[in-house]
């Protein structure tokens, strides 16, 4: 039996993210949220996503009910 390597989680504020990346929420307010970014995100920035993005999955968090209406 072989184990697949587990990808190391890299917070966007620590590593940045390229345009066309899919990022996943992991905090209480965005648990399970998945978004595709249309604009590069610079490392060192805390807070909201800069630029355009599309919501792929609303996840299971305190905002999920509102975000479900905005999918895709």
PDB file of N, CA and C in Angstrom:
ATOM      1  N   UNK A   1       0.845  -1.168   0.000  1.00  0.00           N
ATOM      2  CA  UNK A   1       0.000   0.000   0.000  1.00  0.00           C
ATOM      3  C   UNK A   1       0.893   1.234   0.000  1.00  0.00           C
ATOM      4  N   UNK A   2       0.544   2.218  -0.815  1.00  0.00           N
ATOM      5  CA  UNK A   2       1.329   3.447  -0.921  1.00  0.00           C
ATOM      6  C   UNK A   2       0.503   4.620  -0.421  1.00  0.00           C
ATOM      7  N   UNK A   3       1.149   5.519   0.271  1.00  0.00           N
ATOM      8  CA  UNK A   3       0.482   6.736   0.741  1.00  0.00           C
ATOM      9  C   UNK A   3       0.815   7.872  -0.217  1.00  0.00           C
ATOM     10  N   UNK A   4      -0.177   8.618  -0.579  1.00  0.00           N
ATOM     11  CA  UNK A   4       0.048   9.786  -1.417  1.00  0.00           C
ATOM     12  C   UNK A   4       0.540  10.933  -0.554  1.00  0.00           C
ATOM     13  N   UNK A   5       1.473  11.729  -1.068  1.00  0.00           N
ATOM     14  CA  UNK A   5       1.947  12.864  -0.273  1.00  0.00           C
ATOM     15  C   UNK A   5       0.822  13.877  -0.060  1.00  0.00           C
ATOM     16  N   UNK A   6       0.792  14.464   1.113  1.00  0.00           N
ATOM     17  CA  UNK A   6      -0.207  15.483   1.423  1.00  0.00           C
ATOM     18  C   UNK A   6       0.396  16.840   1.107  1.00  0.00           C
ATOM     19  N   UNK A   7      -0.324  17.621   0.312  1.00  0.00           N
ATOM     20  CA  UNK A   7       0.161  18.949  -0.047  1.00  0.00           C
ATOM     21  C   UNK A   7       0.218  19.831   1.201  1.00  0.00           C
ATOM     22  N   UNK A   8       1.285  20.579   1.317  1.00  0.00           N
ATOM     23  CA  UNK A   8       1.429  21.493   2.442  1.00  0.00           C
ATOM     24  C   UNK A   8       0.545  22.718   2.187  1.00  0.00           C
ATOM     25  N   UNK A   9      -0.246  23.082   3.174  1.00  0.00           N
ATOM     26  CA  UNK A   9      -1.097  24.253   3.042  1.00  0.00           C
ATOM     27  C   UNK A   9      -0.253  25.518   3.102  1.00  0.00           C
ATOM     28  N   UNK A  10      -0.463  26.408   2.162  1.00  0.00           N
ATOM     29  CA  UNK A  10       0.286  27.654   2.112  1.00  0.00           C
ATOM     30  C   UNK A  10      -0.695  28.814   2.167  1.00  0.00           C
ATOM     31  N   UNK A  11      -0.755  29.532   3.261  1.00  0.00           N
ATOM     32  CA  UNK A  11      -1.670  30.672   3.343  1.00  0.00           C
ATOM     33  C   UNK A  11      -1.327  31.719   2.283  1.00  0.00           C
ATOM     34  N   UNK A  12      -2.335  32.271   1.648  1.00  0.00           N
ATOM     35  CA  UNK A  12      -2.128  33.263   0.586  1.00  0.00           C
ATOM     36  C   UNK A  12      -1.376  34.475   1.124  1.00  0.00           C
ATOM     37  N   UNK A  13      -1.657  34.881   2.359  1.00  0.00           N
ATOM     38  CA  UNK A  13      -0.960  36.056   2.896  1.00  0.00           C
ATOM     39  C   UNK A  13       0.529  35.789   3.114  1.00  0.00           C
ATOM     40  N   UNK A  14       0.935  34.537   3.202  1.00  0.00           N
ATOM     41  CA  UNK A  14       2.354  34.190   3.385  1.00  0.00           C
ATOM     42  C   UNK A  14       3.061  33.900   2.069  1.00  0.00           C
ATOM     43  N   UNK A  15       2.344  33.330   1.098  1.00  0.00           N
ATOM     44  CA  UNK A  15       3.000  32.897  -0.140  1.00  0.00           C
ATOM     45  C   UNK A  15       2.506  33.613  -1.391  1.00  0.00           C
ATOM     46  N   UNK A  16       1.383  34.334  -1.290  1.00  0.00           N
ATOM     47  CA  UNK A  16       0.783  34.918  -2.479  1.00  0.00           C
ATOM     48  C   UNK A  16       0.056  33.843  -3.284  1.00  0.00           C
ATOM     49  N   UNK A  17      -0.550  34.232  -4.392  1.00  0.00           N
ATOM     50  CA  UNK A  17      -1.245  33.287  -5.270  1.00  0.00           C
ATOM     51  C   UNK A  17      -1.274  33.860  -6.678  1.00  0.00           C
ATOM     52  N   UNK A  18      -1.034  33.008  -7.655  1.00  0.00           N
ATOM     53  CA  UNK A  18      -1.046  33.430  -9.047  1.00  0.00           C
ATOM     54  C   UNK A  18      -2.478  33.572  -9.560  1.00  0.00           C
ATOM     55  N   UNK A  19      -2.649  34.400 -10.592  1.00  0.00           N
ATOM     56  CA  UNK A  19      -3.938  34.486 -11.264  1.00  0.00           C
ATOM     57  C   UNK A  19      -4.297  33.102 -11.785  1.00  0.00           C
ATOM     58  N   UNK A  20      -5.553  32.757 -11.789  1.00  0.00           N
ATOM     59  CA  UNK A  20      -6.110  31.474 -12.209  1.00  0.00           C
ATOM     60  C   UNK A  20      -5.896  30.372 -11.172  1.00  0.00           C
ATOM     61  N   UNK A  21      -5.402  30.716  -9.977  1.00  0.00           N
ATOM     62  CA  UNK A  21      -5.280  29.746  -8.885  1.00  0.00           C
ATOM     63  C   UNK A  21      -6.638  29.517  -8.245  1.00  0.00           C
ATOM     64  N   UNK A  22      -6.813  28.329  -7.684  1.00  0.00           N
ATOM     65  CA  UNK A  22      -7.983  28.035  -6.858  1.00  0.00           C
ATOM     66  C   UNK A  22      -7.498  28.021  -5.423  1.00  0.00           C
ATOM     67  N   UNK A  23      -8.129  28.839  -4.580  1.00  0.00           N
ATOM     68  CA  UNK A  23      -7.750  28.901  -3.178  1.00  0.00           C
ATOM     69  C   UNK A  23      -8.905  28.398  -2.324  1.00  0.00           C
ATOM     70  N   UNK A  24      -8.559  27.834  -1.166  1.00  0.00           N
ATOM     71  CA  UNK A  24      -9.529  27.199  -0.280  1.00  0.00           C
ATOM     72  C   UNK A  24      -9.523  27.904   1.065  1.00  0.00           C
ATOM     73  N   UNK A  25     -10.704  28.193   1.586  1.00  0.00           N
ATOM     74  CA  UNK A  25     -10.807  28.783   2.909  1.00  0.00           C
ATOM     75  C   UNK A  25     -10.616  27.749   3.991  1.00  0.00           C
ATOM     76  N   UNK A  26      -9.986  28.169   5.088  1.00  0.00           N
ATOM     77  CA  UNK A  26      -9.760  27.229   6.182  1.00  0.00           C
ATOM     78  C   UNK A  26     -10.109  27.813   7.550  1.00  0.00           C
ATOM     79  N   UNK A  27     -10.485  29.076   7.599  1.00  0.00           N
ATOM     80  CA  UNK A  27     -10.848  29.699   8.864  1.00  0.00           C
ATOM     81  C   UNK A  27     -12.327  29.512   9.164  1.00  0.00           C
ATOM     82  N   UNK A  28     -12.742  29.924  10.352  1.00  0.00           N
ATOM     83  CA  UNK A  28     -14.152  29.787  10.738  1.00  0.00           C
ATOM     84  C   UNK A  28     -15.088  30.536   9.794  1.00  0.00           C
ATOM     85  N   UNK A  29     -14.674  31.699   9.318  1.00  0.00           N
ATOM     86  CA  UNK A  29     -15.534  32.507   8.457  1.00  0.00           C
ATOM     87  C   UNK A  29     -15.564  32.049   7.003  1.00  0.00           C
ATOM     88  N   UNK A  30     -14.594  31.224   6.588  1.00  0.00           N
ATOM     89  CA  UNK A  30     -14.552  30.807   5.175  1.00  0.00           C
ATOM     90  C   UNK A  30     -14.259  29.321   4.994  1.00  0.00           C
ATOM     91  N   UNK A  31     -14.532  28.509   6.002  1.00  0.00           N
ATOM     92  CA  UNK A  31     -14.279  27.070   5.952  1.00  0.00           C
ATOM     93  C   UNK A  31     -14.909  26.441   4.712  1.00  0.00           C
ATOM     94  N   UNK A  32     -14.111  25.775   3.886  1.00  0.00           N
ATOM     95  CA  UNK A  32     -14.614  25.068   2.715  1.00  0.00           C
ATOM     96  C   UNK A  32     -14.855  25.937   1.492  1.00  0.00           C
ATOM     97  N   UNK A  33     -14.758  27.239   1.628  1.00  0.00           N
ATOM     98  CA  UNK A  33     -14.943  28.141   0.492  1.00  0.00           C
ATOM     99  C   UNK A  33     -13.843  27.893  -0.531  1.00  0.00           C
ATOM    100  N   UNK A  34     -14.207  27.788  -1.802  1.00  0.00           N
ATOM    101  CA  UNK A  34     -13.236  27.647  -2.891  1.00  0.00           C
ATOM    102  C   UNK A  34     -13.505  28.730  -3.909  1.00  0.00           C
ATOM    103  N   UNK A  35     -12.478  29.479  -4.273  1.00  0.00           N
ATOM    104  CA  UNK A  35     -12.610  30.530  -5.277  1.00  0.00           C
ATOM    105  C   UNK A  35     -11.475  30.428  -6.285  1.00  0.00           C
ATOM    106  N   UNK A  36     -11.777  30.780  -7.543  1.00  0.00           N
ATOM    107  CA  UNK A  36     -10.742  30.891  -8.587  1.00  0.00           C
ATOM    108  C   UNK A  36     -10.428  32.373  -8.728  1.00  0.00           C
ATOM    109  N   UNK A  37      -9.163  32.705  -8.618  1.00  0.00           N
ATOM    110  CA  UNK A  37      -8.712  34.089  -8.680  1.00  0.00           C
ATOM    111  C   UNK A  37      -8.465  34.509 -10.121  1.00  0.00           C
ATOM    112  N   UNK A  38      -8.843  35.730 -10.469  1.00  0.00           N
ATOM    113  CA  UNK A  38      -8.542  36.270 -11.793  1.00  0.00           C
ATOM    114  C   UNK A  38      -7.385  37.260 -11.728  1.00  0.00           C
ATOM    115  N   UNK A  39      -6.954  37.589 -10.516  1.00  0.00           N
ATOM    116  CA  UNK A  39      -5.864  38.540 -10.332  1.00  0.00           C
ATOM    117  C   UNK A  39      -4.866  37.955  -9.337  1.00  0.00           C
ATOM    118  N   UNK A  40      -3.596  38.141  -9.611  1.00  0.00           N
ATOM    119  CA  UNK A  40      -2.558  37.669  -8.698  1.00  0.00           C
ATOM    120  C   UNK A  40      -2.730  38.329  -7.329  1.00  0.00           C
ATOM    121  N   UNK A  41      -2.476  37.550  -6.282  1.00  0.00           N
ATOM    122  CA  UNK A  41      -2.562  38.054  -4.913  1.00  0.00           C
ATOM    123  C   UNK A  41      -1.136  38.141  -4.359  1.00  0.00           C
ATOM    124  N   UNK A  42      -0.755  39.327  -3.921  1.00  0.00           N
ATOM    125  CA  UNK A  42       0.592  39.532  -3.400  1.00  0.00           C
ATOM    126  C   UNK A  42       0.727  38.934  -2.010  1.00  0.00           C
ATOM    127  N   UNK A  43       1.888  38.375  -1.706  1.00  0.00           N
ATOM    128  CA  UNK A  43       2.110  37.887  -0.348  1.00  0.00           C
ATOM    129  C   UNK A  43       2.267  39.095   0.577  1.00  0.00           C
ATOM    130  N   UNK A  44       1.982  38.860   1.845  1.00  0.00           N
ATOM    131  CA  UNK A  44       2.083  39.930   2.830  1.00  0.00           C
ATOM    132  C   UNK A  44       0.813  40.734   2.996  1.00  0.00           C
ATOM    133  N   UNK A  45      -0.248  40.368   2.279  1.00  0.00           N
ATOM    134  CA  UNK A  45      -1.522  41.097   2.370  1.00  0.00           C
ATOM    135  C   UNK A  45      -2.535  40.254   3.130  1.00  0.00           C
ATOM    136  N   UNK A  46      -3.011  40.763   4.243  1.00  0.00           N
ATOM    137  CA  UNK A  46      -4.096  40.118   4.984  1.00  0.00           C
ATOM    138  C   UNK A  46      -5.408  40.758   4.561  1.00  0.00           C
ATOM    139  N   UNK A  47      -6.480  40.005   4.642  1.00  0.00           N
ATOM    140  CA  UNK A  47      -7.788  40.584   4.362  1.00  0.00           C
ATOM    141  C   UNK A  47      -8.402  40.066   3.085  1.00  0.00           C
ATOM    142  N   UNK A  48      -9.247  40.881   2.511  1.00  0.00           N
ATOM    143  CA  UNK A  48     -10.067  40.499   1.362  1.00  0.00           C
ATOM    144  C   UNK A  48      -9.237  40.221   0.109  1.00  0.00           C
ATOM    145  N   UNK A  49      -9.809  39.420  -0.776  1.00  0.00           N
ATOM    146  CA  UNK A  49      -9.222  39.147  -2.084  1.00  0.00           C
ATOM    147  C   UNK A  49      -9.212  40.439  -2.880  1.00  0.00           C
ATOM    148  N   UNK A  50      -8.116  40.687  -3.577  1.00  0.00           N
ATOM    149  CA  UNK A  50      -8.013  41.856  -4.457  1.00  0.00           C
ATOM    150  C   UNK A  50      -8.426  41.451  -5.861  1.00  0.00           C
ATOM    151  N   UNK A  51      -9.275  42.240  -6.493  1.00  0.00           N
ATOM    152  CA  UNK A  51      -9.663  41.986  -7.873  1.00  0.00           C
ATOM    153  C   UNK A  51     -10.813  41.000  -7.996  1.00  0.00           C
ATOM    154  N   UNK A  52     -11.003  40.532  -9.235  1.00  0.00           N
ATOM    155  CA  UNK A  52     -12.121  39.652  -9.553  1.00  0.00           C
ATOM    156  C   UNK A  52     -11.820  38.208  -9.195  1.00  0.00           C
ATOM    157  N   UNK A  53     -12.887  37.461  -8.898  1.00  0.00           N
ATOM    158  CA  UNK A  53     -12.801  36.032  -8.595  1.00  0.00           C
ATOM    159  C   UNK A  53     -14.160  35.417  -8.829  1.00  0.00           C
ATOM    160  N   UNK A  54     -14.212  34.090  -8.928  1.00  0.00           N
ATOM    161  CA  UNK A  54     -15.472  33.377  -9.052  1.00  0.00           C
ATOM    162  C   UNK A  54     -15.548  32.364  -7.919  1.00  0.00           C
ATOM    163  N   UNK A  55     -16.717  32.263  -7.299  1.00  0.00           N
ATOM    164  CA  UNK A  55     -16.931  31.318  -6.206  1.00  0.00           C
ATOM    165  C   UNK A  55     -17.260  29.955  -6.807  1.00  0.00           C
ATOM    166  N   UNK A  56     -16.453  28.959  -6.484  1.00  0.00           N
ATOM    167  CA  UNK A  56     -16.662  27.600  -6.982  1.00  0.00           C
ATOM    168  C   UNK A  56     -17.464  26.750  -6.001  1.00  0.00           C
ATOM    169  N   UNK A  57     -17.279  27.001  -4.702  1.00  0.00           N
ATOM    170  CA  UNK A  57     -17.980  26.251  -3.655  1.00  0.00           C
ATOM    171  C   UNK A  57     -18.133  27.168  -2.454  1.00  0.00           C
ATOM    172  N   UNK A  58     -19.335  27.272  -1.930  1.00  0.00           N
ATOM    173  CA  UNK A  58     -19.605  28.153  -0.792  1.00  0.00           C
ATOM    174  C   UNK A  58     -19.090  27.580   0.523  1.00  0.00           C
ATOM    175  N   UNK A  59     -18.809  26.288   0.577  1.00  0.00           N
ATOM    176  CA  UNK A  59     -18.275  25.669   1.781  1.00  0.00           C
ATOM    177  C   UNK A  59     -19.322  25.493   2.866  1.00  0.00           C
ATOM    178  N   UNK A  60     -18.833  25.308   4.076  1.00  0.00           N
ATOM    179  CA  UNK A  60     -19.692  25.121   5.238  1.00  0.00           C
ATOM    180  C   UNK A  60     -19.201  26.067   6.328  1.00  0.00           C
ATOM    181  N   UNK A  61     -19.680  27.290   6.287  1.00  0.00           N
ATOM    182  CA  UNK A  61     -19.228  28.316   7.214  1.00  0.00           C
ATOM    183  C   UNK A  61     -20.367  29.287   7.496  1.00  0.00           C
ATOM    184  N   UNK A  62     -20.093  30.293   8.290  1.00  0.00           N
ATOM    185  CA  UNK A  62     -21.146  31.219   8.702  1.00  0.00           C
ATOM    186  C   UNK A  62     -21.744  32.024   7.539  1.00  0.00           C
ATOM    187  N   UNK A  63     -21.057  32.096   6.390  1.00  0.00           N
ATOM    188  CA  UNK A  63     -21.545  32.863   5.243  1.00  0.00           C
ATOM    189  C   UNK A  63     -22.070  31.980   4.109  1.00  0.00           C
ATOM    190  N   UNK A  64     -22.028  30.666   4.270  1.00  0.00           N
ATOM    191  CA  UNK A  64     -22.368  29.740   3.191  1.00  0.00           C
ATOM    192  C   UNK A  64     -23.737  29.980   2.581  1.00  0.00           C
ATOM    193  N   UNK A  65     -24.729  30.227   3.401  1.00  0.00           N
ATOM    194  CA  UNK A  65     -26.094  30.402   2.899  1.00  0.00           C
ATOM    195  C   UNK A  65     -26.163  31.597   1.939  1.00  0.00           C
ATOM    196  N   UNK A  66     -25.536  32.689   2.286  1.00  0.00           N
ATOM    197  CA  UNK A  66     -25.534  33.868   1.413  1.00  0.00           C
ATOM    198  C   UNK A  66     -24.682  33.644   0.164  1.00  0.00           C
ATOM    199  N   UNK A  67     -23.558  32.963   0.315  1.00  0.00           N
ATOM    200  CA  UNK A  67     -22.641  32.745  -0.809  1.00  0.00           C
ATOM    201  C   UNK A  67     -23.193  31.766  -1.829  1.00  0.00           C
ATOM    202  N   UNK A  68     -24.038  30.848  -1.418  1.00  0.00           N
ATOM    203  CA  UNK A  68     -24.584  29.858  -2.350  1.00  0.00           C
ATOM    204  C   UNK A  68     -25.312  30.538  -3.508  1.00  0.00           C
ATOM    205  N   UNK A  69     -25.970  31.639  -3.240  1.00  0.00           N
ATOM    206  CA  UNK A  69     -26.674  32.373  -4.316  1.00  0.00           C
ATOM    207  C   UNK A  69     -25.708  32.989  -5.307  1.00  0.00           C
ATOM    208  N   UNK A  70     -24.436  33.103  -4.959  1.00  0.00           N
ATOM    209  CA  UNK A  70     -23.433  33.747  -5.830  1.00  0.00           C
ATOM    210  C   UNK A  70     -22.523  32.747  -6.535  1.00  0.00           C
ATOM    211  N   UNK A  71     -22.790  31.446  -6.426  1.00  0.00           N
ATOM    212  CA  UNK A  71     -21.940  30.450  -7.052  1.00  0.00           C
ATOM    213  C   UNK A  71     -21.818  30.677  -8.556  1.00  0.00           C
ATOM    214  N   UNK A  72     -20.627  30.554  -9.062  1.00  0.00           N
ATOM    215  CA  UNK A  72     -20.275  30.647 -10.476  1.00  0.00           C
ATOM    216  C   UNK A  72     -20.678  32.000 -11.030  1.00  0.00           C
TER     217      UNK A  72
END
